[in-house]
Every structure is written in C-alpha cells, then in structure tokens.
C-alpha cells in the first residue's frame, strides 16, 4: 500500500511541477481517463502500454513526452516500457485520439530510489546505451528516453 501512495504522490508532484511551468499535461488514474498507447490496427484488448502522464503541445495535437512512474527499480520492466512505448503510434484518452509520430516523443521513467545500493541500478546503466541504439535503428515513436531516481 505504501508503494501505491508513493506512486500517487510522485505522479501528482510531477503533474503540478509541469503545470507550473505552463506545460499542457494530462495524467491518468484518479478521476482521469487512462492514457492508452496502441499500435495502429490493434484492438483495445491488445493495447501495448499505457502512461501515467503525457505532455501535449499547447494546441493539444501532438504528444511531446510520456512519463511513467514506477515504485520499484526493475530493469526488465523498464526495457518493456521503453520498447512497448516505442512501438506505439497512437495515443487514446477517452474520446481523444493522438498520433505518435516517428522519433518524436521523449519517455521518462521515474523510479523510487532504493534504500540501499542495488545491483538493479547497475543493470540500468549497462542496458541504457544498447537500448538507445535499438530505438535509433528501429522505426517508432520515441526520439529518446531516460530514467531517473526520485527520493
């Protein structure tokens, strides 16, 4: 339960910080509809991913950034989030529909800082550059990604 509380607090903190900067952001959860990510041609049941937070252009037509909040450091899951997001080319939010253009979206995964040093953090460092090369070579929505610790 504490992990879920941390997740909710961090998500709200990020949304509020971006809104203070005048950015057009939408978050899922609470009373907000999910931000679902699809590959064109797949049905709802086959969505590849969803997002905690999405930042849109001021006119709301283009997704600029996707932020995923994770309460635990998990390299295999992070790799799955990066690749699933990269393979998506549509973003749906209730009745709103957005196209994810090729190499156009920045993805950030925010995770809870481990209490003690973790070998999983080392794995994140090891897999980051090879995964970035895959993103650059494989046509998809991400122009880049990063992950960062949050206290």
Protein backbone atom coordinates (compact mmCIF):
# COMPACT_ATOMS: atom_id res chain seq x y z
CA UNK A 1 0.00 0.00 0.00
CA UNK A 2 2.90 2.38 0.72
CA UNK A 3 4.20 1.81 -2.81
CA UNK A 4 0.86 2.90 -4.28
CA UNK A 5 0.79 6.00 -2.04
CA UNK A 6 4.34 6.92 -3.16
CA UNK A 7 3.30 6.39 -6.80
CA UNK A 8 0.27 8.69 -6.44
CA UNK A 9 2.23 11.40 -4.61
CA UNK A 10 5.06 11.44 -7.14
CA UNK A 11 2.66 11.45 -10.08
CA UNK A 12 0.79 14.46 -8.65
CA UNK A 13 4.07 16.23 -7.81
CA UNK A 14 5.30 15.84 -11.41
CA UNK A 15 1.99 16.99 -12.91
CA UNK A 16 1.87 20.06 -10.66
CA UNK A 17 5.51 20.96 -11.43
CA UNK A 18 4.91 20.74 -15.18
CA UNK A 19 1.68 22.76 -14.94
CA UNK A 20 3.52 25.49 -13.01
CA UNK A 21 5.87 25.69 -15.99
CA UNK A 22 2.86 26.31 -18.21
CA UNK A 23 3.00 22.91 -19.89
CA UNK A 24 -0.06 21.09 -21.20
CA UNK A 25 -0.11 17.80 -19.25
CA UNK A 26 -2.69 15.15 -18.55
CA UNK A 27 -2.43 12.35 -16.06
CA UNK A 28 -4.25 9.07 -15.80
CA UNK A 29 -5.69 7.47 -12.66
CA UNK A 30 -7.95 9.06 -10.05
CA UNK A 31 -10.93 10.53 -11.92
CA UNK A 32 -9.00 10.92 -15.17
CA UNK A 33 -9.32 8.51 -18.07
CA UNK A 34 -6.42 6.21 -18.88
CA UNK A 35 -3.82 7.30 -21.39
CA UNK A 36 -3.59 4.20 -23.57
CA UNK A 37 -0.91 3.54 -26.15
CA UNK A 38 -1.65 1.42 -29.22
CA UNK A 39 -0.05 0.20 -32.40
CA UNK A 40 -2.32 1.18 -35.28
CA UNK A 41 -4.61 -1.63 -36.28
CA UNK A 42 -4.74 -3.37 -32.89
CA UNK A 43 -7.91 -3.63 -30.85
CA UNK A 44 -8.42 -2.16 -27.37
CA UNK A 45 -7.74 -5.54 -25.76
CA UNK A 46 -4.33 -5.56 -27.45
CA UNK A 47 -3.00 -2.19 -26.33
CA UNK A 48 0.75 -2.30 -25.85
CA UNK A 49 1.09 0.11 -22.96
CA UNK A 50 -0.43 2.96 -21.05
CA UNK A 51 1.06 6.04 -19.46
CA UNK A 52 0.84 7.82 -16.12
CA UNK A 53 1.44 11.30 -17.56
CA UNK A 54 1.50 12.72 -21.08
CA UNK A 55 2.61 16.19 -22.13
CA UNK A 56 0.99 17.65 -25.23
CA UNK A 57 1.71 20.60 -27.48
CA UNK A 58 -0.20 23.72 -26.49
CA UNK A 59 -2.73 23.05 -29.26
CA UNK A 60 -3.07 19.51 -27.90
CA UNK A 61 -2.48 17.84 -31.26
CA UNK A 62 0.88 16.18 -30.60
CA UNK A 63 2.29 14.13 -27.72
CA UNK A 64 5.68 15.54 -26.70
CA UNK A 65 6.54 13.48 -23.64
CA UNK A 66 5.36 10.42 -21.77
CA UNK A 67 6.24 9.92 -18.11
CA UNK A 68 5.90 6.62 -16.35
CA UNK A 69 6.20 6.39 -12.55
CA UNK A 70 7.42 3.11 -11.07
CA UNK A 71 7.72 2.45 -7.36
CA UNK A 72 10.39 -0.23 -7.79
CA UNK A 73 13.52 -0.43 -9.87
CA UNK A 74 13.04 -3.25 -12.36
CA UNK A 75 15.35 -3.28 -15.42
CA UNK A 76 13.36 -5.91 -17.32
CA UNK A 77 10.11 -3.98 -16.81
CA UNK A 78 11.78 -0.69 -17.80
CA UNK A 79 13.03 -2.29 -21.02
CA UNK A 80 9.49 -3.47 -21.73
CA UNK A 81 8.08 0.03 -21.12
CA UNK A 82 10.65 1.60 -23.47
CA UNK A 83 10.10 -0.89 -26.30
CA UNK A 84 6.30 -1.00 -25.96
CA UNK A 85 6.10 2.80 -25.99
CA UNK A 86 8.44 2.97 -28.99
CA UNK A 87 6.25 0.52 -30.95
CA UNK A 88 3.08 2.54 -30.31
CA UNK A 89 1.87 5.04 -32.86
CA UNK A 90 -1.46 6.04 -31.34
CA UNK A 91 -2.46 7.51 -28.01
CA UNK A 92 -6.09 7.33 -26.90
CA UNK A 93 -7.62 9.08 -23.91
CA UNK A 94 -11.36 8.51 -23.67
CA UNK A 95 -12.61 10.12 -26.90
CA UNK A 96 -9.35 11.99 -27.60
CA UNK A 97 -7.05 10.49 -30.21
CA UNK A 98 -3.44 11.46 -30.87
CA UNK A 99 -0.92 10.14 -33.39
CA UNK A 100 2.55 9.42 -32.11
CA UNK A 101 4.90 10.49 -34.90
CA UNK A 102 8.10 8.59 -35.66
CA UNK A 103 11.02 9.53 -33.42
CA UNK A 104 9.05 12.38 -31.88
CA UNK A 105 8.27 11.51 -28.23
CA UNK A 106 10.53 11.66 -25.17
CA UNK A 107 9.92 9.00 -22.48
CA UNK A 108 10.95 9.37 -18.85
CA UNK A 109 10.67 6.59 -16.29
CA UNK A 110 10.79 7.90 -12.73
CA UNK A 111 11.51 5.30 -10.07
CA UNK A 112 11.81 5.20 -6.30
CA UNK A 113 15.37 5.42 -5.09
CA UNK A 114 16.34 2.10 -3.48
CA UNK A 115 17.00 2.20 0.27
CA UNK A 116 20.40 0.56 -0.22
CA UNK A 117 22.70 0.20 -3.22
CA UNK A 118 21.11 -2.08 -5.75
CA UNK A 119 22.61 -4.26 -8.46
CA UNK A 120 19.49 -3.42 -10.45
CA UNK A 121 20.68 0.20 -10.72
CA UNK A 122 23.91 -1.14 -12.25
CA UNK A 123 21.86 -3.16 -14.75
CA UNK A 124 20.01 0.00 -15.77
CA UNK A 125 23.35 1.66 -16.53
CA UNK A 126 24.57 -1.33 -18.53
CA UNK A 127 21.46 -1.64 -20.71
CA UNK A 128 20.80 2.07 -21.32
CA UNK A 129 23.14 2.73 -24.27
CA UNK A 130 22.38 -0.52 -26.15
CA UNK A 131 18.66 0.16 -25.74
CA UNK A 132 19.14 3.71 -27.05
CA UNK A 133 20.86 2.26 -30.15
CA UNK A 134 17.88 -0.05 -30.73
CA UNK A 135 15.50 2.92 -30.51
CA UNK A 136 17.55 4.87 -33.06
CA UNK A 137 17.65 1.95 -35.50
CA UNK A 138 14.07 0.70 -35.12
CA UNK A 139 11.38 2.97 -36.52
CA UNK A 140 9.00 4.03 -33.76
CA UNK A 141 7.62 6.89 -31.71
CA UNK A 142 10.49 7.56 -29.28
CA UNK A 143 13.22 10.06 -30.09
CA UNK A 144 14.87 9.31 -26.75
CA UNK A 145 14.27 8.09 -23.21
CA UNK A 146 15.77 8.36 -19.77
CA UNK A 147 15.13 7.10 -16.27
CA UNK A 148 15.73 8.92 -13.05
CA UNK A 149 15.62 8.24 -9.33
CA UNK A 150 13.14 10.07 -7.18
CA UNK A 151 13.65 10.20 -3.42
